[in-house]
């Protein structure tokens, strides 16, 4: 798909136009990995490794319309996840136009080391304030490390005169070879809320999570590191997170796929959503307070994956 003409070079990234004429930012690492993020929704729409392989899923039937989140990549869900509230599905942030933030306040723990990054900013419009009457600043830093690891750091600041509460999720569509050959490790023995059973609470019984039917669960109090193993590709996604206590696992399977106009009937086989989130308990910010949520994604050969789980390190 053509990315438009005359890319605008900025330090560490370039800005081009996407299919709707919206700005899209491309970041590349020296070794060839890349990430693209659209200012429409602040949505990461592509993450490729240094061999050029796409690591995120986007539906072949995705609808590319102005101010509509694309089915795939990593939509930002704020200030609501799902339909558990009065706002549109997954909140409004993913359907709004963000701006590049050239004056983003620095992060406290030196997250800039050896990373190419871009800072985005969303502030509420008058229309947003009508449906959700809270003044906020939502910042998103998208970074790519020398090794091609993708990190997203979100900061929500209350610039309101009164407290407000919100939910948040990185709705991450991972690309997999065959869902029946995929398993998730790191969520064993956890409680989860099953969205297919009116959010009834269950305890995970399996040694690992595997897939043979529709899954829509919120794993609560999850660890800071989990792994998604793709046997056929011999690739493992390592997911590290901070400030996001929940993991939402979703695959629509066959029947649900047929009901979604922007999703191919068989595409459930090639994708899995594993979303770092704060949804079971809302986050409340007093005036002037700021919340930070971090996600780091790595894609490594499966032979190396146990080292990552044993030694999670830090973001």
Protein backbone atom coordinates (compact mmCIF):
# COMPACT_ATOMS: atom_id res chain seq x y z
CA UNK A 1 0.00 0.00 0.00
CA UNK A 2 1.41 3.38 -0.95
CA UNK A 3 2.53 5.46 1.97
CA UNK A 4 2.29 8.81 0.19
CA UNK A 5 5.05 11.13 -0.92
CA UNK A 6 7.79 13.34 0.47
CA UNK A 7 8.32 11.85 3.93
CA UNK A 8 9.17 14.44 6.53
CA UNK A 9 12.40 13.55 8.32
CA UNK A 10 12.46 14.11 12.08
CA UNK A 11 15.14 13.05 14.58
CA UNK A 12 14.88 9.24 14.92
CA UNK A 13 11.74 8.85 12.81
CA UNK A 14 9.98 9.97 9.65
CA UNK A 15 6.42 11.11 9.10
CA UNK A 16 4.47 10.00 6.02
CA UNK A 17 0.79 9.96 5.04
CA UNK A 18 -1.28 6.81 5.36
CA UNK A 19 -4.27 5.65 3.26
CA UNK A 20 -6.57 8.28 4.82
CA UNK A 21 -4.16 11.16 4.57
CA UNK A 22 -3.47 10.88 8.30
CA UNK A 23 0.12 11.19 9.46
CA UNK A 24 1.96 7.97 10.16
CA UNK A 25 5.31 7.78 11.93
CA UNK A 26 7.97 5.22 10.95
CA UNK A 27 10.83 4.28 13.29
CA UNK A 28 13.70 2.05 12.20
CA UNK A 29 16.50 0.43 14.10
CA UNK A 30 20.02 0.27 12.59
CA UNK A 31 19.66 -3.51 12.18
CA UNK A 32 16.51 -3.20 10.09
CA UNK A 33 13.61 -3.68 12.53
CA UNK A 34 10.82 -1.15 12.16
CA UNK A 35 7.59 0.08 13.70
CA UNK A 36 4.85 2.26 12.22
CA UNK A 37 2.34 4.17 14.32
CA UNK A 38 -0.62 6.12 12.99
CA UNK A 39 -1.58 9.45 14.51
CA UNK A 40 -5.12 8.24 13.92
CA UNK A 41 -5.72 6.58 17.29
CA UNK A 42 -2.04 6.56 18.31
CA UNK A 43 -2.22 3.02 16.95
CA UNK A 44 0.85 0.92 16.20
CA UNK A 45 -0.04 -0.60 12.82
CA UNK A 46 3.18 -2.51 12.04
CA UNK A 47 6.12 -4.05 13.88
CA UNK A 48 8.71 -5.90 11.81
CA UNK A 49 11.86 -7.71 12.90
CA UNK A 50 15.27 -7.24 11.29
CA UNK A 51 14.35 -9.83 8.63
CA UNK A 52 11.32 -7.76 7.63
CA UNK A 53 8.80 -10.26 9.04
CA UNK A 54 5.57 -8.67 10.29
CA UNK A 55 4.97 -9.58 13.94
CA UNK A 56 1.55 -7.98 14.41
CA UNK A 57 -1.67 -9.18 12.80
CA UNK A 58 -3.87 -6.90 10.70
CA UNK A 59 -7.03 -8.27 9.13
CA UNK A 60 -7.14 -8.46 5.34
CA UNK A 61 -10.68 -7.06 5.69
CA UNK A 62 -9.69 -4.21 7.99
CA UNK A 63 -11.68 -1.04 7.26
CA UNK A 64 -9.45 1.98 6.65
CA UNK A 65 -11.75 4.89 7.39
CA UNK A 66 -10.98 8.23 9.01
CA UNK A 67 -11.40 8.21 12.79
CA UNK A 68 -11.98 4.45 12.97
CA UNK A 69 -9.58 2.05 14.66
CA UNK A 70 -8.12 -0.57 12.33
CA UNK A 71 -8.69 -4.27 13.12
CA UNK A 72 -5.12 -5.20 14.03
CA UNK A 73 -1.86 -3.77 15.33
CA UNK A 74 -2.11 -2.28 18.83
CA UNK A 75 -5.12 -0.02 19.39
CA UNK A 76 -5.01 2.00 22.64
CA UNK A 77 -8.14 1.41 24.74
CA UNK A 78 -8.88 4.45 26.96
CA UNK A 79 -10.71 5.50 29.10
CA UNK A 80 -12.85 2.35 28.84
CA UNK A 81 -12.17 -1.26 27.87
CA UNK A 82 -14.83 -3.27 26.07
CA UNK A 83 -18.40 -2.17 26.64
CA UNK A 84 -18.19 -2.01 30.45
CA UNK A 85 -19.25 1.62 30.71
CA UNK A 86 -21.19 4.38 28.99
CA UNK A 87 -18.72 5.14 26.19
CA UNK A 88 -18.19 3.58 22.78
CA UNK A 89 -16.55 0.14 22.66
CA UNK A 90 -12.97 0.36 24.04
CA UNK A 91 -13.28 4.12 24.64
CA UNK A 92 -12.57 7.01 22.31
CA UNK A 93 -8.74 7.31 22.28
CA UNK A 94 -8.34 4.78 19.43
CA UNK A 95 -10.67 6.81 17.21
CA UNK A 96 -9.14 10.26 17.74
CA UNK A 97 -6.35 12.16 16.01
CA UNK A 98 -3.22 12.39 18.15
CA UNK A 99 -0.31 14.80 17.68
CA UNK A 100 3.46 14.35 17.79
CA UNK A 101 4.58 15.75 21.14
CA UNK A 102 7.90 17.54 20.67
CA UNK A 103 7.92 18.75 24.27
CA UNK A 104 7.08 15.56 26.16
CA UNK A 105 8.28 15.66 29.77
CA UNK A 106 11.16 13.23 30.33
CA UNK A 107 10.53 9.76 31.71
CA UNK A 108 11.87 9.26 35.20
CA UNK A 109 13.92 6.09 34.73
CA UNK A 110 16.02 6.85 31.64
CA UNK A 111 13.97 4.84 29.16
CA UNK A 112 15.68 6.57 26.24
CA UNK A 113 18.82 4.44 26.29
CA UNK A 114 19.69 3.09 22.84
CA UNK A 115 16.12 3.45 21.60
CA UNK A 116 14.62 5.31 18.68
CA UNK A 117 11.29 6.73 19.81
CA UNK A 118 8.42 9.08 19.13
CA UNK A 119 6.15 10.80 21.66
CA UNK A 120 2.45 11.24 20.91
CA UNK A 121 -0.17 13.25 22.80
CA UNK A 122 -3.96 13.19 23.05
CA UNK A 123 -6.01 15.85 24.81
CA UNK A 124 -9.81 15.88 25.00
CA UNK A 125 -11.83 17.80 22.43
CA UNK A 126 -15.02 19.65 23.33
CA UNK A 127 -16.99 16.65 22.06
CA UNK A 128 -14.96 14.28 24.25
CA UNK A 129 -15.68 16.44 27.29
CA UNK A 130 -19.40 16.20 26.60
CA UNK A 131 -19.39 12.41 26.81
CA UNK A 132 -16.56 12.06 29.36
CA UNK A 133 -16.23 15.35 31.31
CA UNK A 134 -12.65 15.01 32.55
CA UNK A 135 -9.59 17.01 31.49
CA UNK A 136 -6.65 14.67 30.83
CA UNK A 137 -3.39 14.43 28.96
CA UNK A 138 -2.64 10.99 27.50
CA UNK A 139 0.95 10.59 26.34
CA UNK A 140 2.31 7.60 24.44
CA UNK A 141 5.98 6.93 23.79
CA UNK A 142 6.61 4.29 21.13
CA UNK A 143 10.22 3.04 21.09
CA UNK A 144 12.28 0.51 19.18
CA UNK A 145 15.45 -0.89 20.74
CA UNK A 146 18.64 -1.85 18.89
CA UNK A 147 17.48 -5.48 19.14
CA UNK A 148 14.09 -4.64 17.62
CA UNK A 149 12.10 -4.84 20.87
CA UNK A 150 8.98 -2.68 20.83
CA UNK A 151 8.02 -0.67 23.90
CA UNK A 152 4.96 1.46 24.59
CA UNK A 153 4.82 3.74 27.61
CA UNK A 154 1.58 5.54 28.35
CA UNK A 155 1.12 8.33 30.84
CA UNK A 156 -2.27 9.66 31.88
CA UNK A 157 -2.29 12.94 33.81
CA UNK A 158 -5.30 14.43 35.57
CA UNK A 159 -5.39 18.14 34.71
CA UNK A 160 -8.93 18.29 36.09
CA UNK A 161 -10.23 19.95 39.21
CA UNK A 162 -11.61 16.66 40.51
CA UNK A 163 -10.61 12.96 40.55
CA UNK A 164 -11.51 10.65 37.69
CA UNK A 165 -11.29 6.90 37.06
CA UNK A 166 -10.48 5.00 33.87
CA UNK A 167 -9.56 1.64 32.39
CA UNK A 168 -6.71 1.08 29.93
CA UNK A 169 -5.43 -1.64 27.60
CA UNK A 170 -2.96 -2.16 24.79
CA UNK A 171 -5.15 -4.31 22.49
CA UNK A 172 -2.23 -6.28 21.01
CA UNK A 173 -2.92 -8.43 17.93
CA UNK A 174 -0.04 -10.91 17.65
CA UNK A 175 0.59 -12.66 14.35
CA UNK A 176 0.83 -16.46 14.76
CA UNK A 177 1.24 -19.32 12.31
CA UNK A 178 -1.64 -21.51 13.58
CA UNK A 179 -3.63 -20.79 16.76
CA UNK A 180 -3.90 -24.53 17.51
CA UNK A 181 -0.08 -24.62 17.76
CA UNK A 182 0.19 -21.69 20.19
CA UNK A 183 0.37 -21.68 23.96
CA UNK A 184 0.72 -19.01 26.65
CA UNK A 185 2.94 -19.56 29.67
CA UNK A 186 2.92 -17.45 32.83
CA UNK A 187 -0.82 -17.34 33.57
CA UNK A 188 -1.07 -20.76 35.28
CA UNK A 189 -3.12 -20.90 38.53
CA UNK A 190 -4.41 -17.33 38.07
CA UNK A 191 -8.02 -16.27 38.47
CA UNK A 192 -9.74 -14.99 35.36
CA UNK A 193 -13.03 -13.34 34.48
CA UNK A 194 -14.72 -15.18 31.60
CA UNK A 195 -16.46 -12.73 29.27
CA UNK A 196 -18.21 -15.69 27.62
CA UNK A 197 -19.91 -16.47 31.00
CA UNK A 198 -21.05 -13.02 32.17
CA UNK A 199 -17.60 -12.28 33.64
CA UNK A 200 -17.86 -15.22 36.04
CA UNK A 201 -14.62 -15.81 37.95
CA UNK A 202 -12.69 -19.05 37.39
CA UNK A 203 -9.20 -20.31 38.25
CA UNK A 204 -6.88 -21.40 35.42
CA UNK A 205 -6.26 -25.15 35.75
CA UNK A 206 -3.93 -25.83 32.83
CA UNK A 207 -0.13 -25.93 32.83
CA UNK A 208 -0.30 -23.56 29.85
CA UNK A 209 -3.14 -21.95 27.93
CA UNK A 210 -3.88 -23.57 24.57
CA UNK A 211 -6.67 -22.87 22.09
CA UNK A 212 -9.41 -25.06 20.64
CA UNK A 213 -12.45 -22.74 20.84
CA UNK A 214 -13.38 -19.08 21.41
CA UNK A 215 -11.55 -17.44 24.34
CA UNK A 216 -12.31 -14.05 25.93
CA UNK A 217 -10.80 -13.81 29.42
CA UNK A 218 -9.34 -11.24 31.79
CA UNK A 219 -6.53 -12.80 33.86
CA UNK A 220 -6.21 -10.70 37.02
CA UNK A 221 -3.10 -10.03 39.10
CA UNK A 222 -0.88 -11.39 36.35
CA UNK A 223 2.93 -11.49 36.55
CA UNK A 224 5.18 -8.89 34.93
CA UNK A 225 6.42 -11.33 32.26
CA UNK A 226 4.51 -13.87 30.18
CA UNK A 227 5.40 -15.81 27.02
CA UNK A 228 3.41 -16.68 23.91
CA UNK A 229 4.99 -19.69 22.17
CA UNK A 230 4.38 -20.31 18.47
CA UNK A 231 5.52 -23.90 17.85
CA UNK A 232 5.28 -23.82 14.07
CA UNK A 233 7.35 -20.64 13.67
CA UNK A 234 9.61 -21.64 16.59
CA UNK A 235 9.12 -18.06 17.79
CA UNK A 236 8.22 -16.81 21.24
CA UNK A 237 6.77 -13.44 22.10
CA UNK A 238 7.95 -12.21 25.50
CA UNK A 239 5.52 -9.71 27.02
CA UNK A 240 6.81 -7.53 29.85
CA UNK A 241 4.56 -5.02 31.58
CA UNK A 242 4.39 -2.56 34.46
CA UNK A 243 1.38 -0.74 35.90
CA UNK A 244 -0.96 -3.07 34.00
CA UNK A 245 -2.04 -5.84 36.39
CA UNK A 246 -4.34 -7.74 34.00
CA UNK A 247 -3.88 -9.73 30.81
CA UNK A 248 -6.81 -10.02 28.41
CA UNK A 249 -6.65 -13.09 26.14
CA UNK A 250 -8.93 -13.11 23.12
CA UNK A 251 -9.46 -15.23 20.03
CA UNK A 252 -12.88 -15.06 18.35
CA UNK A 253 -12.70 -18.55 16.78
CA UNK A 254 -14.86 -19.61 13.86
CA UNK A 255 -18.43 -18.64 14.75
CA UNK A 256 -17.67 -15.16 16.10
CA UNK A 257 -15.30 -14.44 13.18
CA UNK A 258 -18.16 -14.83 10.73
CA UNK A 259 -20.11 -12.05 12.51
CA UNK A 260 -17.34 -9.42 12.20
CA UNK A 261 -17.44 -7.45 8.95
CA UNK A 262 -13.81 -6.30 9.25
CA UNK A 263 -12.38 -9.77 9.94
CA UNK A 264 -11.89 -12.74 7.60
CA UNK A 265 -13.82 -15.93 8.40
CA UNK A 266 -10.63 -17.98 8.88
CA UNK A 267 -8.30 -15.28 10.16
CA UNK A 268 -8.74 -16.38 13.78
CA UNK A 269 -6.16 -19.07 12.96
CA UNK A 270 -3.45 -16.45 12.32
CA UNK A 271 -3.95 -14.13 15.32
CA UNK A 272 -4.10 -13.97 19.08
CA UNK A 273 -4.79 -10.94 21.24
CA UNK A 274 -2.79 -10.82 24.48
CA UNK A 275 -3.49 -7.43 25.99
CA UNK A 276 -1.65 -5.84 28.91
CA UNK A 277 -4.45 -4.02 30.72
CA UNK A 278 -5.87 -2.39 33.81
CA UNK A 279 -9.53 -3.34 33.57
CA UNK A 280 -10.66 -5.37 36.58
CA UNK A 281 -10.13 -2.40 38.90
CA UNK A 282 -10.33 1.11 37.50
CA UNK A 283 -7.39 3.47 38.03
CA UNK A 284 -8.29 6.65 39.93
CA UNK A 285 -6.22 9.82 39.64
CA UNK A 286 -6.53 12.82 41.92
CA UNK A 287 -6.00 16.30 40.41
CA UNK A 288 -2.38 16.63 39.25
CA UNK A 289 -1.62 12.90 39.59
CA UNK A 290 -0.14 10.82 36.78
CA UNK A 291 -0.35 7.10 36.02
CA UNK A 292 2.19 5.20 33.90
CA UNK A 293 1.63 1.88 32.11
CA UNK A 294 4.42 0.12 30.22
CA UNK A 295 4.49 -2.69 27.69
CA UNK A 296 7.56 -4.24 26.07
CA UNK A 297 7.30 -6.85 23.33
CA UNK A 298 10.19 -9.05 22.22
CA UNK A 299 10.15 -11.78 19.58
CA UNK A 300 12.85 -14.41 20.13
CA UNK A 301 13.67 -17.93 18.89
CA UNK A 302 11.75 -20.37 21.09
CA UNK A 303 14.93 -22.10 22.26
CA UNK A 304 15.80 -18.92 24.20
CA UNK A 305 12.45 -18.30 25.81
CA UNK A 306 12.93 -20.01 29.18
CA UNK A 307 15.80 -17.65 29.98
CA UNK A 308 13.45 -14.69 29.65
CA UNK A 309 10.89 -16.17 32.03
CA UNK A 310 13.53 -17.11 34.59
CA UNK A 311 15.23 -13.72 34.41
CA UNK A 312 12.56 -11.17 33.62
CA UNK A 313 14.86 -8.19 34.15
CA UNK A 314 13.16 -4.85 33.96
CA UNK A 315 11.56 -2.69 31.31
